[in-house]
Amino acid sequence: MNAAGLTAVLTGISAQLNMKFFGDLVSKGHVKQDELDGTRKLCVRVIADLKKTPHGKIEALVSHFDSVLTQHNNDFMAQMRANNSLGQFHAAQIMLGFVSTILAKAGIRE
């Protein structure tokens, strides 16, 4: 995965998180509304941070963590194929947490 790929993956995840079936997780009591809203906002912020980071810096960072990022994306996609919206939501949270952590360690975001 490269930086453009990561941005595209996270843009897709962001679009997914705004679909009705994720809202259904709240109505069914699986997650709280603020947890869903916070995850949606985090995804938007991470994408914005990726887009404003100089290409060379982000490309090296993504390259370094390629296998882990790819695995997180694969986990998200596997949950989607299994039609497991709660598992998909948790996979998105884990990926976003990982990306946020590496961006923070690189001094890209706080």
Protein backbone atom coordinates (compact mmCIF):
# COMPACT_ATOMS: atom_id res chain seq x y z
CA MET A 1 0.00 0.00 0.00
CA ASN A 2 1.23 3.49 -0.75
CA ALA A 3 0.06 6.85 0.60
CA ALA A 4 -2.51 7.34 -2.16
CA GLY A 5 -3.81 3.83 -1.50
CA LEU A 6 -4.10 4.49 2.22
CA THR A 7 -6.00 7.70 1.58
CA ALA A 8 -8.32 5.87 -0.82
CA VAL A 9 -8.87 3.04 1.68
CA LEU A 10 -9.69 5.48 4.47
CA THR A 11 -11.98 7.48 2.18
CA GLY A 12 -13.86 4.25 1.46
CA ILE A 13 -14.03 3.43 5.16
CA SER A 14 -15.34 6.94 5.85
CA ALA A 15 -18.08 6.47 3.26
CA GLN A 16 -18.96 3.08 4.75
CA LEU A 17 -19.14 4.51 8.28
CA ASN A 18 -21.83 6.92 7.11
CA MET A 19 -24.08 4.15 5.79
CA LYS A 20 -27.34 3.35 7.51
CA PHE A 21 -26.33 -0.07 8.78
CA PHE A 22 -23.69 1.51 11.02
CA GLY A 23 -26.42 3.75 12.46
CA ASP A 24 -28.37 0.56 13.09
CA LEU A 25 -25.59 -0.53 15.45
CA VAL A 26 -26.61 2.37 17.67
CA SER A 27 -30.33 1.64 17.52
CA LYS A 28 -29.63 -2.01 18.35
CA GLY A 29 -27.51 -0.98 21.35
CA HIS A 30 -24.23 -2.42 20.05
CA VAL A 31 -22.42 0.94 20.18
CA LYS A 32 -23.20 4.38 21.58
CA GLN A 33 -23.99 7.27 19.25
CA ASP A 34 -20.97 9.24 20.47
CA GLU A 35 -18.70 6.27 19.71
CA LEU A 36 -19.99 6.12 16.14
CA ASP A 37 -19.78 9.91 15.74
CA GLY A 38 -16.26 9.98 17.19
CA THR A 39 -15.07 7.24 14.85
CA ARG A 40 -16.56 9.05 11.86
CA LYS A 41 -14.87 12.31 12.88
CA LEU A 42 -11.54 10.60 13.51
CA CYS A 43 -11.63 9.09 10.03
CA VAL A 44 -12.24 12.51 8.45
CA ARG A 45 -9.41 14.07 10.50
CA VAL A 46 -6.94 11.31 9.63
CA ILE A 47 -7.73 11.66 5.91
CA ALA A 48 -7.22 15.44 6.15
CA ASP A 49 -3.89 14.92 7.92
CA LEU A 50 -2.75 12.46 5.25
CA LYS A 51 -3.68 14.87 2.47
CA LYS A 52 -1.78 17.81 3.96
CA THR A 53 1.38 15.86 4.82
CA PRO A 54 4.30 16.25 2.41
CA HIS A 55 4.35 13.33 -0.02
CA GLY A 56 7.87 12.16 0.82
CA LYS A 57 7.21 12.02 4.53
CA ILE A 58 3.93 10.18 4.31
CA GLU A 59 5.07 7.82 1.57
CA ALA A 60 8.03 6.63 3.66
CA LEU A 61 5.78 6.19 6.68
CA VAL A 62 3.15 4.21 4.80
CA SER A 63 5.84 2.10 3.16
CA HIS A 64 7.33 1.27 6.56
CA PHE A 65 3.96 0.08 7.90
CA ASP A 66 2.65 -1.38 4.64
CA SER A 67 2.11 -4.94 5.85
CA VAL A 68 0.26 -3.89 9.01
CA LEU A 69 -1.89 -1.36 7.16
CA THR A 70 -2.71 -3.93 4.51
CA GLN A 71 -3.68 -6.46 7.18
CA HIS A 72 -5.98 -3.94 8.87
CA ASN A 73 -7.63 -3.21 5.54
CA ASN A 74 -7.98 -6.93 4.86
CA ASP A 75 -9.64 -7.38 8.26
CA PHE A 76 -12.10 -4.58 7.50
CA MET A 77 -12.92 -6.10 4.11
CA ALA A 78 -13.31 -9.60 5.57
CA GLN A 79 -15.86 -8.29 8.07
CA MET A 80 -17.67 -6.51 5.26
CA ARG A 81 -17.82 -9.69 3.16
CA ALA A 82 -19.08 -11.59 6.21
CA ASN A 83 -21.84 -8.96 6.54
CA ASN A 84 -20.69 -8.34 10.11
CA SER A 85 -21.25 -4.61 10.59
CA LEU A 86 -20.15 -4.66 14.24
CA GLY A 87 -16.93 -6.48 13.32
CA GLN A 88 -16.43 -4.09 10.43
CA PHE A 89 -16.92 -1.12 12.77
CA HIS A 90 -14.37 -2.50 15.22
CA ALA A 91 -11.91 -3.23 12.39
CA ALA A 92 -12.28 0.40 11.24
CA GLN A 93 -11.66 1.65 14.78
CA ILE A 94 -8.53 -0.48 15.09
CA MET A 95 -7.16 0.70 11.75
CA LEU A 96 -7.90 4.34 12.53
CA GLY A 97 -6.26 3.99 15.93
CA PHE A 98 -3.17 2.46 14.36
CA VAL A 99 -2.93 5.14 11.67
CA SER A 100 -3.47 7.88 14.26
CA THR A 101 -0.73 6.45 16.43
CA ILE A 102 1.84 6.27 13.65
CA LEU A 103 0.95 9.78 12.51
CA ALA A 104 1.36 11.06 16.08
CA LYS A 105 4.71 9.28 16.49
CA ALA A 106 5.87 10.86 13.24
CA GLY A 107 4.81 14.29 14.52
CA ILE A 108 2.15 14.65 11.84
CA ARG A 109 -0.81 14.89 14.19
CA GLU A 110 -1.35 15.35 17.90
